[in-house]
Amino acid sequence: MELSSIRNFCIIAHIDHGKSTLADRLIQACGAVEDRNFQDQILDTMDIERERGITIKSNTISMPYLARDGKEYLLNLIDTPGHVDFSHEVRRSLLACEAR
């Protein structure tokens, strides 16, 4: 795939502002996970993350996306934690998206 077709981005917001929900909807829209295998907070892998509904550790996914104009893109998504204590994780995610 050409570099011009790759998009790197991260979702950054405060806790309880829907970061994981947005990531879930993007994953569904891209068809990265079949509906029968899909579950809410799919990127949150730790039990405590699912129980409390919070993201503790940044998670990533690469998703193919076919745009309306027929061009295919590769979306590299980072779902970041939202609590202020995780600012280091957020900083690393931003640096990764900026290819530093």
N, C-alpha and C. Protein backbone atom coordinates (compact mmCIF):
# COMPACT_ATOMS: atom_id res chain seq x y z
N MET A 1 0.84 -1.18 0.00
CA MET A 1 0.00 0.00 0.00
C MET A 1 0.89 1.24 0.00
N GLU A 2 0.48 2.24 -0.75
CA GLU A 2 1.23 3.49 -0.83
C GLU A 2 1.14 4.27 0.47
N LEU A 3 2.20 4.98 0.80
CA LEU A 3 2.21 5.79 2.01
C LEU A 3 1.11 6.86 1.99
N SER A 4 0.75 7.34 0.83
CA SER A 4 -0.28 8.37 0.74
C SER A 4 -1.67 7.83 1.11
N SER A 5 -1.80 6.52 1.19
CA SER A 5 -3.09 5.91 1.54
C SER A 5 -3.17 5.46 2.99
N ILE A 6 -2.15 5.78 3.76
CA ILE A 6 -2.12 5.38 5.17
C ILE A 6 -2.46 6.58 6.04
N ARG A 7 -3.37 6.38 6.97
CA ARG A 7 -3.78 7.43 7.90
C ARG A 7 -3.55 6.96 9.32
N ASN A 8 -2.74 7.69 10.08
CA ASN A 8 -2.48 7.39 11.48
C ASN A 8 -3.20 8.42 12.33
N PHE A 9 -3.97 7.96 13.32
CA PHE A 9 -4.66 8.89 14.19
C PHE A 9 -4.95 8.25 15.54
N CYS A 10 -5.18 9.10 16.52
CA CYS A 10 -5.51 8.61 17.86
C CYS A 10 -6.73 9.35 18.37
N ILE A 11 -7.45 8.71 19.26
CA ILE A 11 -8.63 9.30 19.87
C ILE A 11 -8.22 9.77 21.26
N ILE A 12 -8.33 11.08 21.50
CA ILE A 12 -7.93 11.65 22.78
C ILE A 12 -9.09 12.47 23.33
N ALA A 13 -9.49 12.16 24.55
CA ALA A 13 -10.52 12.92 25.25
C ALA A 13 -10.47 12.53 26.72
N HIS A 14 -11.18 13.28 27.54
CA HIS A 14 -11.23 12.96 28.97
C HIS A 14 -11.98 11.65 29.19
N ILE A 15 -11.83 11.12 30.37
CA ILE A 15 -12.51 9.89 30.75
C ILE A 15 -14.02 10.06 30.61
N ASP A 16 -14.70 9.01 30.20
CA ASP A 16 -16.16 8.99 30.01
C ASP A 16 -16.66 9.95 28.94
N HIS A 17 -15.86 10.15 27.90
CA HIS A 17 -16.31 10.99 26.79
C HIS A 17 -16.47 10.19 25.49
N GLY A 18 -16.48 8.86 25.60
CA GLY A 18 -16.83 8.02 24.46
C GLY A 18 -15.71 7.63 23.53
N LYS A 19 -14.47 7.63 23.99
CA LYS A 19 -13.35 7.23 23.12
C LYS A 19 -13.48 5.80 22.65
N SER A 20 -13.72 4.89 23.58
CA SER A 20 -13.83 3.47 23.21
C SER A 20 -15.07 3.22 22.36
N THR A 21 -16.14 3.94 22.63
CA THR A 21 -17.36 3.81 21.82
C THR A 21 -17.10 4.27 20.40
N LEU A 22 -16.40 5.38 20.25
CA LEU A 22 -16.04 5.87 18.92
C LEU A 22 -15.15 4.86 18.20
N ALA A 23 -14.18 4.31 18.90
CA ALA A 23 -13.31 3.29 18.31
C ALA A 23 -14.14 2.09 17.86
N ASP A 24 -15.08 1.66 18.69
CA ASP A 24 -15.96 0.54 18.33
C ASP A 24 -16.73 0.83 17.04
N ARG A 25 -17.28 2.03 16.92
CA ARG A 25 -18.06 2.37 15.74
C ARG A 25 -17.19 2.45 14.49
N LEU A 26 -15.97 2.95 14.62
CA LEU A 26 -15.04 2.98 13.49
C LEU A 26 -14.68 1.57 13.03
N ILE A 27 -14.46 0.69 13.99
CA ILE A 27 -14.14 -0.71 13.68
C ILE A 27 -15.31 -1.35 12.94
N GLN A 28 -16.52 -1.09 13.40
CA GLN A 28 -17.70 -1.64 12.73
C GLN A 28 -17.86 -1.05 11.34
N ALA A 29 -17.67 0.25 11.19
CA ALA A 29 -17.84 0.90 9.89
C ALA A 29 -16.83 0.39 8.86
N CYS A 30 -15.64 0.05 9.32
CA CYS A 30 -14.61 -0.46 8.42
C CYS A 30 -14.75 -1.96 8.16
N GLY A 31 -15.56 -2.62 8.98
CA GLY A 31 -15.72 -4.07 8.83
C GLY A 31 -14.49 -4.84 9.28
N ALA A 32 -13.73 -4.26 10.21
CA ALA A 32 -12.50 -4.89 10.67
C ALA A 32 -12.76 -6.14 11.51
N VAL A 33 -13.93 -6.21 12.12
CA VAL A 33 -14.32 -7.37 12.93
C VAL A 33 -15.72 -7.79 12.49
N GLU A 34 -15.92 -9.07 12.28
CA GLU A 34 -17.24 -9.56 11.88
C GLU A 34 -18.23 -9.32 13.00
N ASP A 35 -19.47 -9.06 12.64
CA ASP A 35 -20.51 -8.76 13.63
C ASP A 35 -20.65 -9.85 14.69
N ARG A 36 -20.52 -11.09 14.30
CA ARG A 36 -20.68 -12.18 15.27
C ARG A 36 -19.54 -12.23 16.29
N ASN A 37 -18.39 -11.66 15.96
CA ASN A 37 -17.25 -11.64 16.88
C ASN A 37 -17.11 -10.31 17.62
N PHE A 38 -17.99 -9.36 17.30
CA PHE A 38 -17.87 -8.03 17.87
C PHE A 38 -18.44 -7.99 19.29
N GLN A 39 -17.78 -7.21 20.15
CA GLN A 39 -18.28 -6.94 21.50
C GLN A 39 -17.91 -5.50 21.85
N ASP A 40 -18.72 -4.87 22.70
CA ASP A 40 -18.42 -3.50 23.11
C ASP A 40 -17.05 -3.43 23.77
N GLN A 41 -16.39 -2.30 23.63
CA GLN A 41 -15.04 -2.08 24.15
C GLN A 41 -14.10 -3.16 23.64
N ILE A 42 -14.15 -3.42 22.37
CA ILE A 42 -13.39 -4.53 21.79
C ILE A 42 -11.88 -4.35 21.94
N LEU A 43 -11.41 -3.12 21.98
CA LEU A 43 -9.97 -2.89 22.12
C LEU A 43 -9.49 -3.01 23.57
N ASP A 44 -10.41 -2.92 24.52
CA ASP A 44 -10.03 -3.06 25.93
C ASP A 44 -9.93 -4.55 26.26
N THR A 45 -8.72 -5.00 26.52
CA THR A 45 -8.49 -6.43 26.70
C THR A 45 -8.40 -6.87 28.16
N MET A 46 -8.12 -5.94 29.06
CA MET A 46 -7.99 -6.31 30.46
C MET A 46 -9.37 -6.37 31.11
N ASP A 47 -9.59 -7.35 32.01
CA ASP A 47 -10.88 -7.51 32.67
C ASP A 47 -11.31 -6.25 33.41
N ILE A 48 -10.37 -5.62 34.10
CA ILE A 48 -10.71 -4.42 34.88
C ILE A 48 -11.18 -3.28 33.96
N GLU A 49 -10.64 -3.22 32.75
CA GLU A 49 -11.07 -2.19 31.80
C GLU A 49 -12.54 -2.40 31.42
N ARG A 50 -12.89 -3.65 31.20
CA ARG A 50 -14.28 -3.97 30.82
C ARG A 50 -15.23 -3.77 31.99
N GLU A 51 -14.82 -4.18 33.19
CA GLU A 51 -15.68 -4.06 34.37
C GLU A 51 -15.99 -2.61 34.69
N ARG A 52 -14.98 -1.76 34.62
CA ARG A 52 -15.16 -0.35 35.01
C ARG A 52 -15.45 0.57 33.84
N GLY A 53 -15.34 0.03 32.63
CA GLY A 53 -15.62 0.84 31.45
C GLY A 53 -14.61 1.93 31.19
N ILE A 54 -13.35 1.66 31.56
CA ILE A 54 -12.29 2.65 31.33
C ILE A 54 -11.15 2.00 30.55
N THR A 55 -10.42 2.81 29.83
CA THR A 55 -9.23 2.33 29.12
C THR A 55 -8.02 2.68 29.97
N ILE A 56 -7.26 1.65 30.35
CA ILE A 56 -6.07 1.84 31.17
C ILE A 56 -4.82 1.88 30.30
N LYS A 57 -4.80 1.04 29.28
CA LYS A 57 -3.63 0.91 28.43
C LYS A 57 -4.02 1.25 26.99
N SER A 58 -3.19 2.03 26.31
CA SER A 58 -3.47 2.35 24.91
C SER A 58 -3.55 1.07 24.09
N ASN A 59 -4.45 1.09 23.12
CA ASN A 59 -4.63 -0.06 22.24
C ASN A 59 -4.63 0.41 20.80
N THR A 60 -4.20 -0.46 19.91
CA THR A 60 -4.10 -0.08 18.50
C THR A 60 -4.83 -1.09 17.62
N ILE A 61 -5.20 -0.61 16.44
CA ILE A 61 -5.77 -1.49 15.42
C ILE A 61 -5.51 -0.86 14.06
N SER A 62 -5.27 -1.70 13.07
CA SER A 62 -5.16 -1.27 11.68
C SER A 62 -6.39 -1.79 10.94
N MET A 63 -7.03 -0.88 10.20
CA MET A 63 -8.28 -1.24 9.54
C MET A 63 -8.25 -0.80 8.08
N PRO A 64 -8.59 -1.71 7.17
CA PRO A 64 -8.75 -1.27 5.78
C PRO A 64 -10.06 -0.53 5.64
N TYR A 65 -10.06 0.52 4.85
CA TYR A 65 -11.28 1.31 4.66
C TYR A 65 -11.42 1.66 3.19
N LEU A 66 -12.56 1.34 2.62
CA LEU A 66 -12.85 1.68 1.23
C LEU A 66 -13.69 2.95 1.22
N ALA A 67 -13.12 4.03 0.72
CA ALA A 67 -13.80 5.33 0.69
C ALA A 67 -14.88 5.36 -0.38
N ARG A 68 -15.74 6.34 -0.31
CA ARG A 68 -16.83 6.47 -1.28
C ARG A 68 -16.33 6.65 -2.70
N ASP A 69 -15.12 7.24 -2.84
CA ASP A 69 -14.57 7.45 -4.18
C ASP A 69 -13.88 6.21 -4.74
N GLY A 70 -13.93 5.10 -3.98
CA GLY A 70 -13.36 3.84 -4.44
C GLY A 70 -11.92 3.62 -4.03
N LYS A 71 -11.30 4.60 -3.42
CA LYS A 71 -9.90 4.48 -3.00
C LYS A 71 -9.83 3.76 -1.65
N GLU A 72 -8.85 2.88 -1.52
CA GLU A 72 -8.69 2.13 -0.28
C GLU A 72 -7.61 2.76 0.59
N TYR A 73 -7.93 2.88 1.88
CA TYR A 73 -7.01 3.45 2.85
C TYR A 73 -6.73 2.44 3.95
N LEU A 74 -5.60 2.61 4.60
CA LEU A 74 -5.30 1.85 5.81
C LEU A 74 -5.34 2.82 6.97
N LEU A 75 -6.28 2.59 7.89
CA LEU A 75 -6.44 3.46 9.06
C LEU A 75 -5.77 2.80 10.25
N ASN A 76 -4.77 3.46 10.80
CA ASN A 76 -4.08 3.00 12.00
C ASN A 76 -4.58 3.82 13.17
N LEU A 77 -5.33 3.19 14.06
CA LEU A 77 -6.00 3.88 15.16
C LEU A 77 -5.36 3.53 16.49
N ILE A 78 -5.19 4.55 17.34
CA ILE A 78 -4.75 4.35 18.73
C ILE A 78 -5.86 4.87 19.63
N ASP A 79 -6.39 4.00 20.48
CA ASP A 79 -7.39 4.39 21.48
C ASP A 79 -6.62 4.64 22.77
N THR A 80 -6.62 5.88 23.26
CA THR A 80 -5.80 6.25 24.41
C THR A 80 -6.63 6.30 25.69
N PRO A 81 -5.96 6.16 26.84
CA PRO A 81 -6.65 6.35 28.13
C PRO A 81 -7.03 7.82 28.28
N GLY A 82 -8.06 8.10 29.09
CA GLY A 82 -8.52 9.48 29.22
C GLY A 82 -8.18 10.14 30.53
N HIS A 83 -7.67 9.39 31.48
CA HIS A 83 -7.39 9.96 32.79
C HIS A 83 -6.07 10.72 32.75
N VAL A 84 -5.99 11.79 33.51
CA VAL A 84 -4.80 12.65 33.52
C VAL A 84 -3.54 11.88 33.90
N ASP A 85 -3.66 10.84 34.70
CA ASP A 85 -2.50 10.04 35.09
C ASP A 85 -1.87 9.32 33.91
N PHE A 86 -2.58 9.24 32.81
CA PHE A 86 -2.07 8.52 31.66
C PHE A 86 -1.56 9.45 30.57
N SER A 87 -1.18 10.66 30.96
CA SER A 87 -0.72 11.64 29.98
C SER A 87 0.50 11.15 29.21
N HIS A 88 1.33 10.33 29.84
CA HIS A 88 2.49 9.78 29.15
C HIS A 88 2.05 8.90 27.98
N GLU A 89 1.03 8.07 28.19
CA GLU A 89 0.50 7.22 27.12
C GLU A 89 -0.03 8.07 25.97
N VAL A 90 -0.74 9.14 26.31
CA VAL A 90 -1.31 10.02 25.29
C VAL A 90 -0.18 10.69 24.51
N ARG A 91 0.84 11.17 25.19
CA ARG A 91 1.98 11.81 24.52
C ARG A 91 2.65 10.85 23.55
N ARG A 92 2.85 9.61 23.99
CA ARG A 92 3.47 8.61 23.10
C ARG A 92 2.59 8.35 21.88
N SER A 93 1.29 8.33 22.07
CA SER A 93 0.37 8.09 20.95
C SER A 93 0.45 9.22 19.94
N LEU A 94 0.49 10.45 20.43
CA LEU A 94 0.61 11.59 19.52
C LEU A 94 1.92 11.55 18.75
N LEU A 95 3.00 11.21 19.41
CA LEU A 95 4.29 11.11 18.72
C LEU A 95 4.26 10.02 17.66
N ALA A 96 3.58 8.91 17.97
CA ALA A 96 3.48 7.82 16.99
C ALA A 96 2.68 8.26 15.76
N CYS A 97 1.61 9.00 15.98
CA CYS A 97 0.80 9.48 14.86
C CYS A 97 1.55 10.48 14.00
N GLU A 98 2.46 11.22 14.61
CA GLU A 98 3.23 12.20 13.88
C GLU A 98 4.52 11.61 13.32
N ALA A 99 4.68 10.27 13.48
CA ALA A 99 5.84 9.53 12.96
C ALA A 99 7.15 10.04 13.52
N ARG A 100 7.18 10.26 14.84
CA ARG A 100 8.43 10.70 15.48
C ARG A 100 9.01 9.60 16.30
